[in-house]
Amino acid sequence: MDYCFDDKIDVKLIALFIIDSFKMPVPNSFIVDTLMLQPFVNYFDLEEQLAGLLEEEFVTYYVQDNDRFYSLTKKGSEALEFFHMRIPKTVRERLLRSIKLKIKELKNALSIKADYEKINDIEYKVSLGILEGNYEMLSVSLSVGDEVMAKKMCASFKNDPQALYSEFLSALTKHF
């Protein structure tokens, strides 16, 4: 069954669902591309409702390379959690398949850095980073007390950098 959503609330929920499903700030172009793979929403309706979500403080964004990168606010997460069942299960499943394709594409475009070095007998420096082209999205250096912890931190970061980036960004912006 094909769906076409034009109700403003449904379009907003679909946009929130897509943004949330990426688990990291998502460029507007990826939101549009996801919907072009599964055309449930008209492009112009989507852009209008994204503007409404910004105005209502359900999402926030930053601009990089002339593209807006959207993230859910706490208010947006709560609204999606409460109303996500309003989006039919088949639509959510189809969107998630499209999102997986875009995430795979994104991972191929990103360079992930997770290294450690011994500073002295009781200190290791862990360096974590995400690069997109020449743009440094994240760069963090931490001191830890042993090599085992340093290795575990690097492995964890390499395993799911997008989720950790999203959590890091969420922790930094939760009081906005």
N, C-alpha and C. Protein backbone atom coordinates (compact mmCIF):
# COMPACT_ATOMS: atom_id res chain seq x y z
N MET A 1 0.84 -1.19 0.00
CA MET A 1 0.00 0.00 0.00
C MET A 1 0.88 1.24 0.00
N ASP A 2 0.62 2.18 -0.90
CA ASP A 2 1.37 3.42 -0.93
C ASP A 2 0.67 4.47 -0.08
N TYR A 3 1.49 5.26 0.57
CA TYR A 3 1.00 6.30 1.44
C TYR A 3 1.43 7.65 0.90
N CYS A 4 0.61 8.64 1.13
CA CYS A 4 0.96 10.02 0.83
C CYS A 4 0.41 10.87 1.96
N PHE A 5 1.31 11.45 2.71
CA PHE A 5 0.91 12.24 3.87
C PHE A 5 0.93 13.72 3.52
N ASP A 6 -0.18 14.39 3.82
CA ASP A 6 -0.21 15.83 3.62
C ASP A 6 -0.70 16.56 4.87
N ASP A 7 -1.16 15.82 5.87
CA ASP A 7 -1.55 16.43 7.13
C ASP A 7 -0.28 16.98 7.80
N LYS A 8 -0.34 18.22 8.24
CA LYS A 8 0.85 18.88 8.80
C LYS A 8 1.47 18.10 9.96
N ILE A 9 0.64 17.57 10.83
CA ILE A 9 1.16 16.83 11.98
C ILE A 9 1.85 15.55 11.53
N ASP A 10 1.27 14.85 10.57
CA ASP A 10 1.90 13.62 10.06
C ASP A 10 3.25 13.92 9.40
N VAL A 11 3.32 15.00 8.64
CA VAL A 11 4.57 15.37 7.97
C VAL A 11 5.62 15.71 9.03
N LYS A 12 5.22 16.42 10.06
CA LYS A 12 6.16 16.75 11.15
C LYS A 12 6.65 15.48 11.85
N LEU A 13 5.75 14.56 12.10
CA LEU A 13 6.15 13.30 12.75
C LEU A 13 7.12 12.50 11.89
N ILE A 14 6.87 12.46 10.60
CA ILE A 14 7.77 11.75 9.70
C ILE A 14 9.15 12.41 9.70
N ALA A 15 9.18 13.74 9.69
CA ALA A 15 10.46 14.45 9.75
C ALA A 15 11.18 14.15 11.06
N LEU A 16 10.46 14.19 12.18
CA LEU A 16 11.06 13.87 13.48
C LEU A 16 11.58 12.43 13.49
N PHE A 17 10.81 11.51 12.93
CA PHE A 17 11.21 10.10 12.88
C PHE A 17 12.50 9.94 12.09
N ILE A 18 12.59 10.58 10.96
CA ILE A 18 13.80 10.48 10.13
C ILE A 18 15.00 11.05 10.87
N ILE A 19 14.85 12.23 11.43
CA ILE A 19 15.97 12.87 12.15
C ILE A 19 16.41 12.00 13.31
N ASP A 20 15.46 11.49 14.07
CA ASP A 20 15.78 10.64 15.21
C ASP A 20 16.48 9.35 14.78
N SER A 21 16.06 8.78 13.68
CA SER A 21 16.58 7.49 13.24
C SER A 21 18.04 7.54 12.81
N PHE A 22 18.53 8.70 12.42
CA PHE A 22 19.93 8.81 12.05
C PHE A 22 20.85 8.78 13.28
N LYS A 23 20.35 9.11 14.45
CA LYS A 23 21.11 9.07 15.71
C LYS A 23 22.32 10.00 15.69
N MET A 24 22.25 11.02 14.89
CA MET A 24 23.29 12.05 14.81
C MET A 24 22.69 13.23 14.05
N PRO A 25 23.32 14.40 14.11
CA PRO A 25 22.79 15.50 13.30
C PRO A 25 22.73 15.09 11.83
N VAL A 26 21.59 15.33 11.23
CA VAL A 26 21.36 14.86 9.86
C VAL A 26 21.19 16.05 8.91
N PRO A 27 21.93 16.03 7.80
CA PRO A 27 21.78 17.13 6.85
C PRO A 27 20.41 17.12 6.18
N ASN A 28 19.92 18.30 5.90
CA ASN A 28 18.63 18.43 5.23
C ASN A 28 18.62 17.61 3.94
N SER A 29 19.73 17.59 3.24
CA SER A 29 19.78 16.83 1.98
C SER A 29 19.53 15.34 2.22
N PHE A 30 19.96 14.79 3.36
CA PHE A 30 19.71 13.38 3.66
C PHE A 30 18.24 13.14 3.99
N ILE A 31 17.61 14.10 4.64
CA ILE A 31 16.18 13.97 4.92
C ILE A 31 15.41 13.92 3.60
N VAL A 32 15.74 14.84 2.71
CA VAL A 32 15.08 14.89 1.40
C VAL A 32 15.38 13.61 0.61
N ASP A 33 16.64 13.19 0.59
CA ASP A 33 17.00 11.97 -0.14
C ASP A 33 16.26 10.75 0.40
N THR A 34 16.13 10.66 1.72
CA THR A 34 15.41 9.55 2.33
C THR A 34 13.97 9.53 1.85
N LEU A 35 13.37 10.69 1.77
CA LEU A 35 11.98 10.74 1.31
C LEU A 35 11.84 10.57 -0.19
N MET A 36 12.89 10.81 -0.93
CA MET A 36 12.83 10.56 -2.37
C MET A 36 12.88 9.05 -2.64
N LEU A 37 13.57 8.29 -1.76
CA LEU A 37 13.58 6.84 -1.89
C LEU A 37 12.23 6.24 -1.52
N GLN A 38 11.55 6.86 -0.59
CA GLN A 38 10.22 6.43 -0.14
C GLN A 38 9.33 7.68 -0.14
N PRO A 39 8.76 8.05 -1.28
CA PRO A 39 8.08 9.35 -1.40
C PRO A 39 6.72 9.41 -0.70
N PHE A 40 6.76 9.55 0.61
CA PHE A 40 5.54 9.64 1.38
C PHE A 40 5.06 11.09 1.55
N VAL A 41 5.99 12.02 1.36
CA VAL A 41 5.72 13.43 1.66
C VAL A 41 6.20 14.28 0.50
N ASN A 42 5.42 15.27 0.16
CA ASN A 42 5.79 16.26 -0.84
C ASN A 42 6.96 17.10 -0.31
N TYR A 43 7.94 17.38 -1.16
CA TYR A 43 9.13 18.14 -0.78
C TYR A 43 8.76 19.48 -0.14
N PHE A 44 7.83 20.21 -0.72
CA PHE A 44 7.49 21.54 -0.23
C PHE A 44 6.79 21.46 1.13
N ASP A 45 5.94 20.44 1.31
CA ASP A 45 5.31 20.24 2.62
C ASP A 45 6.37 19.93 3.68
N LEU A 46 7.34 19.10 3.30
CA LEU A 46 8.41 18.76 4.22
C LEU A 46 9.18 20.00 4.66
N GLU A 47 9.60 20.80 3.72
CA GLU A 47 10.38 22.00 4.05
C GLU A 47 9.56 22.96 4.92
N GLU A 48 8.29 23.10 4.62
CA GLU A 48 7.41 23.97 5.41
C GLU A 48 7.29 23.45 6.85
N GLN A 49 7.14 22.14 7.01
CA GLN A 49 6.98 21.58 8.35
C GLN A 49 8.30 21.54 9.12
N LEU A 50 9.43 21.39 8.43
CA LEU A 50 10.73 21.51 9.11
C LEU A 50 10.88 22.91 9.70
N ALA A 51 10.47 23.91 8.95
CA ALA A 51 10.51 25.29 9.46
C ALA A 51 9.61 25.42 10.69
N GLY A 52 8.44 24.78 10.64
CA GLY A 52 7.55 24.80 11.79
C GLY A 52 8.15 24.10 13.00
N LEU A 53 8.84 22.97 12.77
CA LEU A 53 9.49 22.25 13.87
C LEU A 53 10.58 23.09 14.52
N LEU A 54 11.28 23.87 13.70
CA LEU A 54 12.30 24.78 14.25
C LEU A 54 11.65 25.87 15.10
N GLU A 55 10.62 26.46 14.56
CA GLU A 55 9.91 27.54 15.25
C GLU A 55 9.32 27.06 16.58
N GLU A 56 8.82 25.83 16.58
CA GLU A 56 8.20 25.26 17.78
C GLU A 56 9.23 24.61 18.72
N GLU A 57 10.51 24.68 18.32
CA GLU A 57 11.62 24.16 19.12
C GLU A 57 11.59 22.65 19.35
N PHE A 58 11.11 21.91 18.33
CA PHE A 58 11.17 20.46 18.34
C PHE A 58 12.51 19.98 17.76
N VAL A 59 13.11 20.82 16.92
CA VAL A 59 14.43 20.53 16.35
C VAL A 59 15.31 21.76 16.45
N THR A 60 16.59 21.51 16.32
CA THR A 60 17.56 22.58 16.25
C THR A 60 18.45 22.26 15.05
N TYR A 61 19.27 23.22 14.62
CA TYR A 61 20.13 22.96 13.49
C TYR A 61 21.39 23.81 13.56
N TYR A 62 22.38 23.40 12.78
CA TYR A 62 23.53 24.23 12.51
C TYR A 62 23.81 24.12 11.02
N VAL A 63 24.53 25.08 10.47
CA VAL A 63 24.80 25.10 9.03
C VAL A 63 26.26 24.75 8.79
N GLN A 64 26.46 23.84 7.83
CA GLN A 64 27.81 23.46 7.41
C GLN A 64 27.76 23.23 5.91
N ASP A 65 28.69 23.82 5.18
CA ASP A 65 28.74 23.66 3.72
C ASP A 65 27.38 23.91 3.08
N ASN A 66 26.73 24.97 3.49
CA ASN A 66 25.43 25.37 2.93
C ASN A 66 24.32 24.35 3.12
N ASP A 67 24.45 23.47 4.09
CA ASP A 67 23.40 22.49 4.38
C ASP A 67 23.07 22.59 5.87
N ARG A 68 21.79 22.51 6.19
CA ARG A 68 21.37 22.51 7.59
C ARG A 68 21.47 21.09 8.14
N PHE A 69 22.05 20.97 9.33
CA PHE A 69 22.14 19.69 10.02
C PHE A 69 21.18 19.73 11.19
N TYR A 70 20.14 18.89 11.15
CA TYR A 70 19.08 18.89 12.15
C TYR A 70 19.33 17.87 13.25
N SER A 71 18.93 18.25 14.47
CA SER A 71 18.92 17.35 15.62
C SER A 71 17.62 17.58 16.37
N LEU A 72 17.14 16.54 17.03
CA LEU A 72 15.95 16.69 17.86
C LEU A 72 16.31 17.36 19.16
N THR A 73 15.41 18.18 19.65
CA THR A 73 15.54 18.71 21.00
C THR A 73 14.87 17.70 21.93
N LYS A 74 14.97 17.94 23.21
CA LYS A 74 14.29 17.07 24.17
C LYS A 74 12.78 17.08 23.91
N LYS A 75 12.26 18.25 23.62
CA LYS A 75 10.83 18.39 23.32
C LYS A 75 10.45 17.58 22.08
N GLY A 76 11.31 17.58 21.06
CA GLY A 76 11.06 16.81 19.86
C GLY A 76 11.11 15.31 20.11
N SER A 77 12.07 14.88 20.92
CA SER A 77 12.18 13.46 21.28
C SER A 77 10.94 12.99 22.03
N GLU A 78 10.48 13.81 22.97
CA GLU A 78 9.29 13.46 23.75
C GLU A 78 8.05 13.38 22.86
N ALA A 79 7.91 14.32 21.95
CA ALA A 79 6.75 14.32 21.04
C ALA A 79 6.77 13.08 20.15
N LEU A 80 7.94 12.76 19.62
CA LEU A 80 8.05 11.58 18.76
C LEU A 80 7.76 10.31 19.55
N GLU A 81 8.30 10.22 20.76
CA GLU A 81 8.07 9.03 21.59
C GLU A 81 6.57 8.84 21.84
N PHE A 82 5.88 9.92 22.07
CA PHE A 82 4.46 9.86 22.39
C PHE A 82 3.60 9.54 21.16
N PHE A 83 3.98 10.10 19.98
CA PHE A 83 3.12 10.01 18.81
C PHE A 83 3.65 9.12 17.68
N HIS A 84 4.80 8.45 17.86
CA HIS A 84 5.40 7.72 16.74
C HIS A 84 4.48 6.63 16.18
N MET A 85 3.60 6.09 16.99
CA MET A 85 2.69 5.04 16.50
C MET A 85 1.68 5.58 15.49
N ARG A 86 1.57 6.89 15.41
CA ARG A 86 0.67 7.48 14.41
C ARG A 86 1.20 7.25 12.99
N ILE A 87 2.51 7.01 12.87
CA ILE A 87 3.10 6.67 11.58
C ILE A 87 2.93 5.16 11.39
N PRO A 88 2.27 4.73 10.33
CA PRO A 88 2.06 3.29 10.14
C PRO A 88 3.37 2.50 10.17
N LYS A 89 3.28 1.29 10.71
CA LYS A 89 4.47 0.45 10.87
C LYS A 89 5.17 0.22 9.53
N THR A 90 4.43 -0.02 8.49
CA THR A 90 5.05 -0.26 7.18
C THR A 90 5.81 0.96 6.69
N VAL A 91 5.30 2.15 6.99
CA VAL A 91 5.98 3.38 6.61
C VAL A 91 7.28 3.52 7.41
N ARG A 92 7.20 3.27 8.72
CA ARG A 92 8.42 3.34 9.54
C ARG A 92 9.47 2.36 9.04
N GLU A 93 9.05 1.14 8.71
CA GLU A 93 9.99 0.12 8.22
C GLU A 93 10.63 0.53 6.90
N ARG A 94 9.84 1.07 6.00
CA ARG A 94 10.38 1.51 4.70
C ARG A 94 11.33 2.69 4.88
N LEU A 95 10.98 3.60 5.76
CA LEU A 95 11.87 4.73 6.03
C LEU A 95 13.18 4.24 6.64
N LEU A 96 13.10 3.30 7.57
CA LEU A 96 14.32 2.78 8.20
C LEU A 96 15.23 2.10 7.18
N ARG A 97 14.66 1.40 6.21
CA ARG A 97 15.48 0.79 5.15
C ARG A 97 16.20 1.87 4.35
N SER A 98 15.50 2.93 4.02
CA SER A 98 16.11 4.04 3.28
C SER A 98 17.18 4.72 4.11
N ILE A 99 16.91 4.87 5.39
CA ILE A 99 17.88 5.52 6.29
C ILE A 99 19.14 4.67 6.41
N LYS A 100 18.98 3.35 6.46
CA LYS A 100 20.16 2.46 6.51
C LYS A 100 21.05 2.68 5.30
N LEU A 101 20.46 2.85 4.14
CA LEU A 101 21.24 3.12 2.93
C LEU A 101 21.99 4.44 3.04
N LYS A 102 21.31 5.46 3.56
CA LYS A 102 21.95 6.77 3.71
C LYS A 102 23.05 6.74 4.77
N ILE A 103 22.84 5.98 5.85
CA ILE A 103 23.87 5.86 6.89
C ILE A 103 25.10 5.16 6.33
N LYS A 104 24.88 4.14 5.54
CA LYS A 104 26.01 3.44 4.91
C LYS A 104 26.78 4.41 4.02
N GLU A 105 26.06 5.21 3.27
CA GLU A 105 26.68 6.22 2.41
C GLU A 105 27.46 7.23 3.25
N LEU A 106 26.87 7.64 4.36
CA LEU A 106 27.51 8.61 5.25
C LEU A 106 28.77 8.03 5.87
N LYS A 107 28.71 6.78 6.31
CA LYS A 107 29.89 6.15 6.91
C LYS A 107 31.03 6.08 5.91
N ASN A 108 30.70 5.85 4.65
CA ASN A 108 31.73 5.81 3.63
C ASN A 108 32.36 7.19 3.40
N ALA A 109 31.59 8.25 3.67
CA ALA A 109 32.10 9.60 3.48
C ALA A 109 32.86 10.13 4.69
N LEU A 110 32.74 9.45 5.83
CA LEU A 110 33.38 9.91 7.05
C LEU A 110 34.69 9.17 7.29
N SER A 111 35.61 9.88 7.89
CA SER A 111 36.84 9.24 8.37
C SER A 111 36.75 9.21 9.89
N ILE A 112 36.94 8.03 10.45
CA ILE A 112 36.86 7.85 11.89
C ILE A 112 38.26 7.65 12.43
N LYS A 113 38.63 8.41 13.45
CA LYS A 113 39.95 8.31 14.06
C LYS A 113 39.77 7.91 15.52
N ALA A 114 40.46 6.86 15.92
CA ALA A 114 40.44 6.42 17.32
C ALA A 114 41.81 5.79 17.62
N ASP A 115 42.67 6.57 18.24
CA ASP A 115 44.03 6.14 18.55
C ASP A 115 44.34 6.42 20.01
N TYR A 116 45.37 5.75 20.50
CA TYR A 116 45.87 6.06 21.83
C TYR A 116 47.38 5.96 21.83
N GLU A 117 47.99 6.66 22.77
CA GLU A 117 49.44 6.61 22.93
C GLU A 117 49.79 6.66 24.41
N LYS A 118 50.89 6.03 24.73
CA LYS A 118 51.37 6.01 26.11
C LYS A 118 52.10 7.33 26.38
N ILE A 119 51.69 8.00 27.44
CA ILE A 119 52.33 9.26 27.83
C ILE A 119 53.45 8.97 28.84
N ASN A 120 53.11 8.17 29.84
CA ASN A 120 54.08 7.73 30.84
C ASN A 120 53.57 6.43 31.45
N ASP A 121 54.15 5.98 32.53
CA ASP A 121 53.78 4.69 33.11
C ASP A 121 52.34 4.62 33.61
N ILE A 122 51.74 5.75 33.91
CA ILE A 122 50.38 5.73 34.48
C ILE A 122 49.36 6.54 33.66
N GLU A 123 49.72 6.93 32.44
CA GLU A 123 48.81 7.77 31.67
C GLU A 123 48.88 7.44 30.18
N TYR A 124 47.68 7.33 29.57
CA TYR A 124 47.54 7.13 28.13
C TYR A 124 46.66 8.24 27.59
N LYS A 125 46.99 8.72 26.41
CA LYS A 125 46.19 9.75 25.75
C LYS A 125 45.36 9.07 24.65
N VAL A 126 44.04 9.22 24.74
CA VAL A 126 43.12 8.68 23.74
C VAL A 126 42.66 9.85 22.87
N SER A 127 42.78 9.69 21.56
CA SER A 127 42.36 10.72 20.60
C SER A 127 41.27 10.14 19.72
N LEU A 128 40.12 10.80 19.73
CA LEU A 128 38.96 10.36 18.96
C LEU A 128 38.54 11.47 18.01
N GLY A 129 38.14 11.12 16.80
CA GLY A 129 37.73 12.16 15.87
C GLY A 129 36.87 11.64 14.74
N ILE A 130 36.09 12.55 14.20
CA ILE A 130 35.27 12.28 13.01
C ILE A 130 35.54 13.41 12.02
N LEU A 131 35.95 13.02 10.82
CA LEU A 131 36.19 13.97 9.75
C LEU A 131 35.20 13.71 8.63
N GLU A 132 34.65 14.77 8.08
CA GLU A 132 33.83 14.66 6.88
C GLU A 132 34.52 15.51 5.83
N GLY A 133 35.20 14.84 4.91
CA GLY A 133 36.03 15.57 3.95
C GLY A 133 37.15 16.24 4.72
N ASN A 134 37.26 17.55 4.58
CA ASN A 134 38.27 18.31 5.31
C ASN A 134 37.72 18.94 6.59
N TYR A 135 36.44 18.72 6.85
CA TYR A 135 35.79 19.33 8.01
C TYR A 135 35.88 18.39 9.21
N GLU A 136 36.41 18.91 10.30
CA GLU A 136 36.52 18.14 11.53
C GLU A 136 35.23 18.30 12.34
N MET A 137 34.40 17.26 12.32
CA MET A 137 33.12 17.30 13.03
C MET A 137 33.32 17.13 14.53
N LEU A 138 34.32 16.33 14.92
CA LEU A 138 34.57 16.06 16.33
C LEU A 138 36.04 15.72 16.52
N SER A 139 36.62 16.29 17.55
CA SER A 139 37.98 15.95 17.92
C SER A 139 38.07 16.04 19.44
N VAL A 140 38.38 14.91 20.07
CA VAL A 140 38.43 14.84 21.53
C VAL A 140 39.68 14.09 21.94
N SER A 141 40.38 14.63 22.93
CA SER A 141 41.53 13.94 23.52
C SER A 141 41.26 13.78 25.01
N LEU A 142 41.49 12.57 25.50
CA LEU A 142 41.24 12.26 26.90
C LEU A 142 42.45 11.55 27.50
N SER A 143 42.68 11.77 28.78
CA SER A 143 43.71 11.03 29.50
C SER A 143 43.04 9.92 30.28
N VAL A 144 43.61 8.70 30.19
CA VAL A 144 43.11 7.56 30.95
C VAL A 144 44.28 6.89 31.65
N GLY A 145 43.94 6.09 32.64
CA GLY A 145 44.97 5.54 33.51
C GLY A 145 45.61 4.25 33.07
N ASP A 146 45.03 3.54 32.09
CA ASP A 146 45.68 2.29 31.69
C ASP A 146 45.38 1.97 30.23
N GLU A 147 46.18 1.08 29.67
CA GLU A 147 46.08 0.73 28.28
C GLU A 147 44.79 -0.02 27.96
N VAL A 148 44.32 -0.84 28.86
CA VAL A 148 43.08 -1.59 28.64
C VAL A 148 41.91 -0.62 28.42
N MET A 149 41.82 0.38 29.26
CA MET A 149 40.75 1.38 29.12
C MET A 149 40.91 2.15 27.81
N ALA A 150 42.12 2.51 27.45
CA ALA A 150 42.37 3.23 26.20
C ALA A 150 41.90 2.39 25.00
N LYS A 151 42.24 1.10 24.99
CA LYS A 151 41.83 0.21 23.91
C LYS A 151 40.31 0.08 23.84
N LYS A 152 39.67 -0.06 25.00
CA LYS A 152 38.21 -0.19 25.04
C LYS A 152 37.52 1.07 24.52
N MET A 153 38.06 2.24 24.88
CA MET A 153 37.46 3.49 24.41
C MET A 153 37.57 3.61 22.89
N CYS A 154 38.73 3.27 22.35
CA CYS A 154 38.92 3.33 20.90
C CYS A 154 37.99 2.35 20.19
N ALA A 155 37.89 1.14 20.70
CA ALA A 155 37.02 0.13 20.08
C ALA A 155 35.56 0.56 20.12
N SER A 156 35.13 1.11 21.25
CA SER A 156 33.76 1.56 21.40
C SER A 156 33.45 2.68 20.41
N PHE A 157 34.38 3.61 20.26
CA PHE A 157 34.18 4.73 19.34
C PHE A 157 34.12 4.24 17.90
N LYS A 158 35.02 3.35 17.53
CA LYS A 158 35.03 2.82 16.16
C LYS A 158 33.77 2.01 15.86
N ASN A 159 33.23 1.34 16.87
CA ASN A 159 32.06 0.51 16.70
C ASN A 159 30.81 1.31 16.31
N ASP A 160 30.61 2.47 16.93
CA ASP A 160 29.42 3.27 16.65
C ASP A 160 29.70 4.76 16.85
N PRO A 161 30.51 5.35 15.98
CA PRO A 161 30.87 6.76 16.16
C PRO A 161 29.67 7.71 16.08
N GLN A 162 28.69 7.39 15.22
CA GLN A 162 27.53 8.28 15.09
C GLN A 162 26.74 8.37 16.38
N ALA A 163 26.52 7.23 17.03
CA ALA A 163 25.76 7.23 18.28
C ALA A 163 26.51 7.99 19.37
N LEU A 164 27.81 7.77 19.47
CA LEU A 164 28.59 8.47 20.49
C LEU A 164 28.65 9.97 20.20
N TYR A 165 28.76 10.33 18.93
CA TYR A 165 28.74 11.74 18.55
C TYR A 165 27.41 12.37 18.95
N SER A 166 26.34 11.66 18.66
CA SER A 166 25.01 12.16 19.00
C SER A 166 24.85 12.33 20.51
N GLU A 167 25.31 11.36 21.28
CA GLU A 167 25.24 11.46 22.75
C GLU A 167 26.09 12.62 23.27
N PHE A 168 27.26 12.78 22.70
CA PHE A 168 28.15 13.87 23.09
C PHE A 168 27.49 15.23 22.82
N LEU A 169 26.92 15.37 21.61
CA LEU A 169 26.25 16.61 21.24
C LEU A 169 25.03 16.85 22.12
N SER A 170 24.29 15.80 22.41
CA SER A 170 23.11 15.90 23.27
C SER A 170 23.51 16.35 24.68
N ALA A 171 24.58 15.79 25.19
CA ALA A 171 25.04 16.17 26.54
C ALA A 171 25.45 17.63 26.59
N LEU A 172 26.07 18.11 25.52
CA LEU A 172 26.51 19.50 25.48
C LEU A 172 25.37 20.49 25.30
N THR A 173 24.29 20.06 24.67
CA THR A 173 23.19 20.98 24.35
C THR A 173 21.93 20.76 25.16
N LYS A 174 21.95 19.85 26.15
CA LYS A 174 20.71 19.53 26.85
C LYS A 174 20.14 20.69 27.67
N HIS A 175 20.93 21.69 27.96
CA HIS A 175 20.44 22.82 28.77
C HIS A 175 20.04 24.03 27.92
N PHE A 176 20.02 23.85 26.59
CA PHE A 176 19.61 24.98 25.72
C PHE A 176 18.12 25.11 25.70
